[in-house]
Amino acid sequence: MLVKVARLGSAVAEILLADGQTVSDILAAADLQIENEEIRVNADSASESTILHNGDIVTLVPKVKGGQKIVKVARLGDAVQEVAVADSATVQDALDAADIEIENEDVRIDGRSVELDSRMTNGTVITVVPKVKGGK
């Protein structure tokens, strides 16, 4: 059976496993260790003993503690990263967590330019795009 596995913010690996294999087996095959993360199989909570089926997607996601939120961050042309930030975090905090530095670019939420000290809600999508020159 073919199963996909990924840690949020990293590339997805496709692993060929024998029938009856578990999350633990695919993590070992992909050389991934759980680092204060939750396991999800097809977006549902799972454990290392969960038996996998052909086509399943195993994802390691950061554990969300009280006072935290998950936001998505992407630079145009790069992969989208999900990061956990404090409830009071700013756009700059989310960019730092995603290891993205602004280089003559515009930062947007829902298509609108925002300041780096702007606050976000859980599920916010932050995009970093080239600045448009002139009025054209």
C-alpha atoms as a PDB file:
ATOM      1  CA  MET A   1       0.000   0.000   0.000  1.00  0.00           C
ATOM      2  CA  LEU A   2       1.129   3.574  -0.667  1.00  0.00           C
ATOM      3  CA  VAL A   3       0.910   6.048   2.243  1.00  0.00           C
ATOM      4  CA  LYS A   4       1.988   9.707   2.450  1.00  0.00           C
ATOM      5  CA  VAL A   5       3.717  11.150   5.508  1.00  0.00           C
ATOM      6  CA  ALA A   6       4.806  14.693   6.368  1.00  0.00           C
ATOM      7  CA  ARG A   7       5.620  17.082   9.156  1.00  0.00           C
ATOM      8  CA  LEU A   8       3.783  20.374   8.704  1.00  0.00           C
ATOM      9  CA  GLY A   9       6.036  22.791   6.864  1.00  0.00           C
ATOM     10  CA  SER A  10       8.125  20.079   5.188  1.00  0.00           C
ATOM     11  CA  ALA A  11       7.970  17.973   2.057  1.00  0.00           C
ATOM     12  CA  VAL A  12       5.561  15.055   1.756  1.00  0.00           C
ATOM     13  CA  ALA A  13       7.106  11.593   1.373  1.00  0.00           C
ATOM     14  CA  GLU A  14       5.317   8.652  -0.238  1.00  0.00           C
ATOM     15  CA  ILE A  15       6.192   5.343   1.408  1.00  0.00           C
ATOM     16  CA  LEU A  16       5.319   1.858   0.169  1.00  0.00           C
ATOM     17  CA  LEU A  17       4.279  -0.326   3.119  1.00  0.00           C
ATOM     18  CA  ALA A  18       2.964  -3.857   3.560  1.00  0.00           C
ATOM     19  CA  ASP A  19      -0.695  -4.228   4.541  1.00  0.00           C
ATOM     20  CA  GLY A  20      -1.345  -3.956   8.280  1.00  0.00           C
ATOM     21  CA  GLN A  21       1.500  -1.524   8.986  1.00  0.00           C
ATOM     22  CA  THR A  22       1.074   1.212  11.609  1.00  0.00           C
ATOM     23  CA  VAL A  23       1.885   4.902  12.022  1.00  0.00           C
ATOM     24  CA  SER A  24       4.986   3.834  13.966  1.00  0.00           C
ATOM     25  CA  ASP A  25       6.165   1.819  10.944  1.00  0.00           C
ATOM     26  CA  ILE A  26       5.785   4.706   8.497  1.00  0.00           C
ATOM     27  CA  LEU A  27       7.501   7.161  10.863  1.00  0.00           C
ATOM     28  CA  ALA A  28      10.457   4.759  11.099  1.00  0.00           C
ATOM     29  CA  ALA A  29      10.526   4.297   7.302  1.00  0.00           C
ATOM     30  CA  ALA A  30      10.502   8.089   6.788  1.00  0.00           C
ATOM     31  CA  ASP A  31      13.087   8.610   9.576  1.00  0.00           C
ATOM     32  CA  LEU A  32      10.726  10.919  11.490  1.00  0.00           C
ATOM     33  CA  GLN A  33      10.524  11.220  15.275  1.00  0.00           C
ATOM     34  CA  ILE A  34       7.614  12.838  17.100  1.00  0.00           C
ATOM     35  CA  GLU A  35       8.741  16.162  18.587  1.00  0.00           C
ATOM     36  CA  ASN A  36       5.947  17.495  20.813  1.00  0.00           C
ATOM     37  CA  GLU A  37       3.514  16.917  17.956  1.00  0.00           C
ATOM     38  CA  GLU A  38       0.146  15.320  17.433  1.00  0.00           C
ATOM     39  CA  ILE A  39      -0.358  12.554  14.896  1.00  0.00           C
ATOM     40  CA  ARG A  40      -3.139  12.884  12.360  1.00  0.00           C
ATOM     41  CA  VAL A  41      -4.236  10.318   9.803  1.00  0.00           C
ATOM     42  CA  ASN A  42      -6.405  11.883   7.122  1.00  0.00           C
ATOM     43  CA  ALA A  43      -6.898  14.899   9.459  1.00  0.00           C
ATOM     44  CA  ASP A  44      -8.200  12.718  12.346  1.00  0.00           C
ATOM     45  CA  SER A  45      -6.276  12.278  15.612  1.00  0.00           C
ATOM     46  CA  ALA A  46      -4.304   9.034  15.690  1.00  0.00           C
ATOM     47  CA  SER A  47      -1.620   7.202  17.659  1.00  0.00           C
ATOM     48  CA  GLU A  48       1.550   5.350  16.741  1.00  0.00           C
ATOM     49  CA  SER A  49      -0.411   2.068  16.863  1.00  0.00           C
ATOM     50  CA  THR A  50      -3.047   3.213  14.329  1.00  0.00           C
ATOM     51  CA  ILE A  51      -3.192   0.755  11.424  1.00  0.00           C
ATOM     52  CA  LEU A  52      -2.787   2.416   8.034  1.00  0.00           C
ATOM     53  CA  HIS A  53      -4.599   1.791   4.758  1.00  0.00           C
ATOM     54  CA  ASN A  54      -3.716   2.452   1.134  1.00  0.00           C
ATOM     55  CA  GLY A  55      -3.928   6.177   0.349  1.00  0.00           C
ATOM     56  CA  ASP A  56      -3.765   7.386   3.977  1.00  0.00           C
ATOM     57  CA  ILE A  57      -1.993  10.657   4.754  1.00  0.00           C
ATOM     58  CA  VAL A  58      -0.074  10.795   8.048  1.00  0.00           C
ATOM     59  CA  THR A  59       0.774  14.285   9.303  1.00  0.00           C
ATOM     60  CA  LEU A  60       2.722  15.435  12.357  1.00  0.00           C
ATOM     61  CA  VAL A  61       1.312  18.756  13.593  1.00  0.00           C
ATOM     62  CA  PRO A  62       2.425  20.995  16.475  1.00  0.00           C
ATOM     63  CA  LYS A  63       0.461  20.544  19.678  1.00  0.00           C
ATOM     64  CA  VAL A  64      -1.633  23.637  20.299  1.00  0.00           C
ATOM     65  CA  LYS A  65      -1.579  24.791  23.895  1.00  0.00           C
ATOM     66  CA  GLY A  66      -4.002  27.207  25.473  1.00  0.00           C
ATOM     67  CA  GLY A  67      -3.215  30.726  24.333  1.00  0.00           C
ATOM     68  CA  GLN A  68      -1.851  29.610  20.961  1.00  0.00           C
ATOM     69  CA  LYS A  69      -3.169  29.716  17.445  1.00  0.00           C
ATOM     70  CA  ILE A  70      -2.184  28.112  14.164  1.00  0.00           C
ATOM     71  CA  VAL A  71      -1.587  30.378  11.166  1.00  0.00           C
ATOM     72  CA  LYS A  72      -0.424  29.649   7.625  1.00  0.00           C
ATOM     73  CA  VAL A  73       2.488  31.555   6.103  1.00  0.00           C
ATOM     74  CA  ALA A  74       3.738  31.487   2.510  1.00  0.00           C
ATOM     75  CA  ARG A  75       6.039  33.456   0.272  1.00  0.00           C
ATOM     76  CA  LEU A  76       4.769  33.567  -3.311  1.00  0.00           C
ATOM     77  CA  GLY A  77       6.178  30.514  -5.096  1.00  0.00           C
ATOM     78  CA  ASP A  78       7.098  28.620  -1.883  1.00  0.00           C
ATOM     79  CA  ALA A  79       5.301  25.959   0.130  1.00  0.00           C
ATOM     80  CA  VAL A  80       2.716  27.016   2.700  1.00  0.00           C
ATOM     81  CA  GLN A  81       3.849  26.485   6.295  1.00  0.00           C
ATOM     82  CA  GLU A  82       1.615  26.146   9.321  1.00  0.00           C
ATOM     83  CA  VAL A  83       3.099  27.593  12.501  1.00  0.00           C
ATOM     84  CA  ALA A  84       1.903  27.750  16.100  1.00  0.00           C
ATOM     85  CA  VAL A  85       2.193  31.205  17.648  1.00  0.00           C
ATOM     86  CA  ALA A  86       1.114  32.800  20.913  1.00  0.00           C
ATOM     87  CA  ASP A  87      -2.422  34.132  21.035  1.00  0.00           C
ATOM     88  CA  SER A  88      -1.041  37.686  21.211  1.00  0.00           C
ATOM     89  CA  ALA A  89       1.442  37.166  18.340  1.00  0.00           C
ATOM     90  CA  THR A  90       1.944  39.644  15.523  1.00  0.00           C
ATOM     91  CA  VAL A  91       2.467  39.020  11.828  1.00  0.00           C
ATOM     92  CA  GLN A  92       6.210  39.475  12.448  1.00  0.00           C
ATOM     93  CA  ASP A  93       6.107  36.702  15.084  1.00  0.00           C
ATOM     94  CA  ALA A  94       4.477  34.343  12.571  1.00  0.00           C
ATOM     95  CA  LEU A  95       7.053  35.228   9.909  1.00  0.00           C
ATOM     96  CA  ASP A  96       9.845  34.576  12.421  1.00  0.00           C
ATOM     97  CA  ALA A  97       8.333  31.201  13.341  1.00  0.00           C
ATOM     98  CA  ALA A  98       8.233  30.294   9.628  1.00  0.00           C
ATOM     99  CA  ASP A  99      11.825  31.561   9.195  1.00  0.00           C
ATOM    100  CA  ILE A 100      10.781  34.090   6.535  1.00  0.00           C
ATOM    101  CA  GLU A 101      12.573  37.425   6.225  1.00  0.00           C
ATOM    102  CA  ILE A 102      10.942  40.272   4.303  1.00  0.00           C
ATOM    103  CA  GLU A 103      13.063  41.518   1.394  1.00  0.00           C
ATOM    104  CA  ASN A 104      11.352  44.472  -0.327  1.00  0.00           C
ATOM    105  CA  GLU A 105       8.088  42.524  -0.263  1.00  0.00           C
ATOM    106  CA  ASP A 106       4.507  43.191   0.734  1.00  0.00           C
ATOM    107  CA  VAL A 107       2.855  41.196   3.528  1.00  0.00           C
ATOM    108  CA  ARG A 108      -0.851  40.465   3.111  1.00  0.00           C
ATOM    109  CA  ILE A 109      -3.723  38.881   4.964  1.00  0.00           C
ATOM    110  CA  ASP A 110      -6.777  38.051   2.856  1.00  0.00           C
ATOM    111  CA  GLY A 111      -5.249  39.994  -0.046  1.00  0.00           C
ATOM    112  CA  ARG A 112      -4.852  43.235   1.934  1.00  0.00           C
ATOM    113  CA  SER A 113      -1.501  44.749   2.879  1.00  0.00           C
ATOM    114  CA  VAL A 114      -0.834  44.669   6.620  1.00  0.00           C
ATOM    115  CA  GLU A 115       1.789  46.030   8.978  1.00  0.00           C
ATOM    116  CA  LEU A 116       4.208  43.622  10.654  1.00  0.00           C
ATOM    117  CA  ASP A 117       2.793  44.537  14.078  1.00  0.00           C
ATOM    118  CA  SER A 118      -0.752  43.534  13.024  1.00  0.00           C
ATOM    119  CA  ARG A 119      -2.549  40.858  15.068  1.00  0.00           C
ATOM    120  CA  MET A 120      -4.053  37.700  13.579  1.00  0.00           C
ATOM    121  CA  THR A 121      -6.820  35.229  14.306  1.00  0.00           C
ATOM    122  CA  ASN A 122      -6.549  31.454  14.380  1.00  0.00           C
ATOM    123  CA  GLY A 123      -6.381  30.137  10.809  1.00  0.00           C
ATOM    124  CA  THR A 124      -5.080  33.391   9.299  1.00  0.00           C
ATOM    125  CA  VAL A 125      -3.243  32.992   5.983  1.00  0.00           C
ATOM    126  CA  ILE A 126      -0.281  35.361   5.607  1.00  0.00           C
ATOM    127  CA  THR A 127       1.210  35.786   2.140  1.00  0.00           C
ATOM    128  CA  VAL A 128       4.465  37.499   1.222  1.00  0.00           C
ATOM    129  CA  VAL A 129       4.474  38.898  -2.317  1.00  0.00           C
ATOM    130  CA  PRO A 130       6.731  41.188  -4.379  1.00  0.00           C
ATOM    131  CA  LYS A 131       5.923  44.878  -4.071  1.00  0.00           C
ATOM    132  CA  VAL A 132       4.198  46.329  -7.126  1.00  0.00           C
ATOM    133  CA  LYS A 133       6.033  49.335  -8.568  1.00  0.00           C
ATOM    134  CA  GLY A 134       4.150  52.311  -9.932  1.00  0.00           C
ATOM    135  CA  GLY A 135       0.414  52.507 -10.334  1.00  0.00           C
ATOM    136  CA  LYS A 136       0.171  50.031 -13.187  1.00  0.00           C
END
